[in-house]
Amino acid sequence: MTSSTLANLLKLVGSARDGALLRFSLGNEYLKLGDRGNAILQLQESVTREPGYSAAWKLLGRALADEGRDADALDAWRRGIGVAEAKGDKQAAKEMTVFARRIEKKPGGPGQPR
């Protein structure tokens, strides 16, 4: 389960170009390949390196939700909403708000009775 894009990105890990954008790109590529576990790890690294990266928070929430980790996804999106609002990134904040509300309204989900 590899792609030439993934292989090229992995070559940059540990180099001078290793940063939040590289880790975001790796997470995105892993997600495309269906490897949610590695996607989550890379996206967590991305937001650790740059906590103000709203796109990484949004994609991290998606990867977590796809993995069935609704509470973690909700947490990522809530943090991402705060980041996006602080940066004036209204579209990203709006999208993450919609995603978060879907989880909040899920029967048996976070904030709902089981």
Protein backbone atom coordinates (compact mmCIF):
# COMPACT_ATOMS: atom_id res chain seq x y z
CA MET A 1 0.00 0.00 0.00
CA THR A 2 2.34 2.69 -1.23
CA SER A 3 2.30 5.35 -3.86
CA SER A 4 5.10 7.24 -5.54
CA THR A 5 3.83 10.40 -3.85
CA LEU A 6 4.03 8.75 -0.44
CA ALA A 7 7.52 7.41 -1.17
CA ASN A 8 8.71 10.86 -2.21
CA LEU A 9 7.23 12.49 0.90
CA LEU A 10 8.76 9.88 3.19
CA LYS A 11 12.20 10.72 1.78
CA LEU A 12 11.82 14.20 3.26
CA VAL A 13 11.15 13.05 6.83
CA GLY A 14 14.05 14.12 9.01
CA SER A 15 15.36 16.57 6.40
CA ALA A 16 15.39 20.36 6.58
CA ARG A 17 11.97 20.31 4.87
CA ASP A 18 10.38 18.21 7.61
CA GLY A 19 7.65 20.29 9.20
CA ALA A 20 3.93 20.71 9.68
CA LEU A 21 3.21 20.92 5.93
CA LEU A 22 5.15 17.72 5.18
CA ARG A 23 3.37 15.88 7.99
CA PHE A 24 0.00 17.21 6.76
CA SER A 25 0.83 16.01 3.25
CA LEU A 26 1.86 12.59 4.57
CA GLY A 27 -1.34 12.35 6.59
CA ASN A 28 -3.40 13.28 3.56
CA GLU A 29 -1.63 10.70 1.39
CA TYR A 30 -2.02 7.95 3.99
CA LEU A 31 -5.71 8.81 4.23
CA LYS A 32 -6.08 8.51 0.45
CA LEU A 33 -4.50 5.05 0.69
CA GLY A 34 -6.88 4.01 3.47
CA ASP A 35 -4.18 3.85 6.14
CA ARG A 36 -5.99 5.84 8.82
CA GLY A 37 -3.61 4.83 11.60
CA ASN A 38 -0.57 6.37 9.93
CA ALA A 39 -2.66 9.30 8.73
CA ILE A 40 -3.65 10.08 12.31
CA LEU A 41 -0.05 9.83 13.52
CA GLN A 42 1.21 12.21 10.84
CA LEU A 43 -1.63 14.69 11.33
CA GLN A 44 -1.09 14.69 15.09
CA GLU A 45 2.56 15.44 14.41
CA SER A 46 1.52 18.26 12.07
CA VAL A 47 -0.62 20.02 14.70
CA THR A 48 2.06 19.43 17.33
CA ARG A 49 4.59 21.20 15.14
CA GLU A 50 2.17 23.97 14.19
CA PRO A 51 -0.86 24.20 16.50
CA GLY A 52 -2.28 27.03 14.38
CA TYR A 53 -2.65 24.86 11.25
CA SER A 54 -6.43 24.75 10.88
CA ALA A 55 -6.40 22.52 7.77
CA ALA A 56 -4.45 19.89 9.71
CA TRP A 57 -6.97 20.00 12.55
CA LYS A 58 -9.80 19.55 10.06
CA LEU A 59 -8.16 16.56 8.36
CA LEU A 60 -7.16 15.05 11.71
CA GLY A 61 -10.79 15.20 12.81
CA ARG A 62 -11.86 13.48 9.61
CA ALA A 63 -9.28 10.71 10.00
CA LEU A 64 -10.34 10.15 13.62
CA ALA A 65 -14.03 10.09 12.67
CA ASP A 66 -13.32 7.63 9.85
CA GLU A 67 -11.55 5.44 12.43
CA GLY A 68 -14.68 5.52 14.63
CA ARG A 69 -13.03 7.69 17.28
CA ASP A 70 -15.87 10.19 17.50
CA ALA A 71 -14.90 11.77 20.82
CA ASP A 72 -11.33 12.34 19.59
CA ALA A 73 -12.61 13.70 16.28
CA LEU A 74 -14.92 16.07 18.11
CA ASP A 75 -12.02 17.27 20.25
CA ALA A 76 -9.82 17.84 17.16
CA TRP A 77 -12.56 19.78 15.39
CA ARG A 78 -13.31 21.91 18.45
CA ARG A 79 -9.63 22.78 18.76
CA GLY A 80 -9.49 23.43 15.02
CA ILE A 81 -12.52 25.71 15.20
CA GLY A 82 -10.76 27.80 17.84
CA VAL A 83 -7.63 27.99 15.71
CA ALA A 84 -9.56 28.86 12.56
CA GLU A 85 -11.62 31.55 14.29
CA ALA A 86 -8.49 33.10 15.78
CA LYS A 87 -6.95 33.28 12.29
CA GLY A 88 -10.12 34.59 10.67
CA ASP A 89 -10.44 31.40 8.59
CA LYS A 90 -14.23 31.47 8.57
CA GLN A 91 -14.73 28.72 5.97
CA ALA A 92 -12.62 26.16 7.85
CA ALA A 93 -14.34 27.05 11.13
CA LYS A 94 -17.75 26.66 9.49
CA GLU A 95 -16.88 23.27 7.98
CA MET A 96 -15.51 21.91 11.26
CA THR A 97 -18.59 23.21 13.10
CA VAL A 98 -20.82 21.24 10.72
CA PHE A 99 -18.70 18.08 11.17
CA ALA A 100 -18.73 18.48 14.96
CA ARG A 101 -22.50 18.93 15.05
CA ARG A 102 -22.99 15.73 13.07
CA ILE A 103 -21.07 13.80 15.70
CA GLU A 104 -22.83 15.56 18.56
CA LYS A 105 -26.21 14.59 17.07
CA LYS A 106 -25.28 10.95 16.45
CA PRO A 107 -27.37 8.59 18.60
CA GLY A 108 -25.12 7.30 21.35
CA GLY A 109 -22.38 9.72 20.32
CA PRO A 110 -20.61 12.23 22.54
CA GLY A 111 -23.22 14.31 24.30
CA GLN A 112 -26.06 11.93 23.45
CA PRO A 113 -27.70 9.36 25.72
CA ARG A 114 -26.82 5.78 24.96
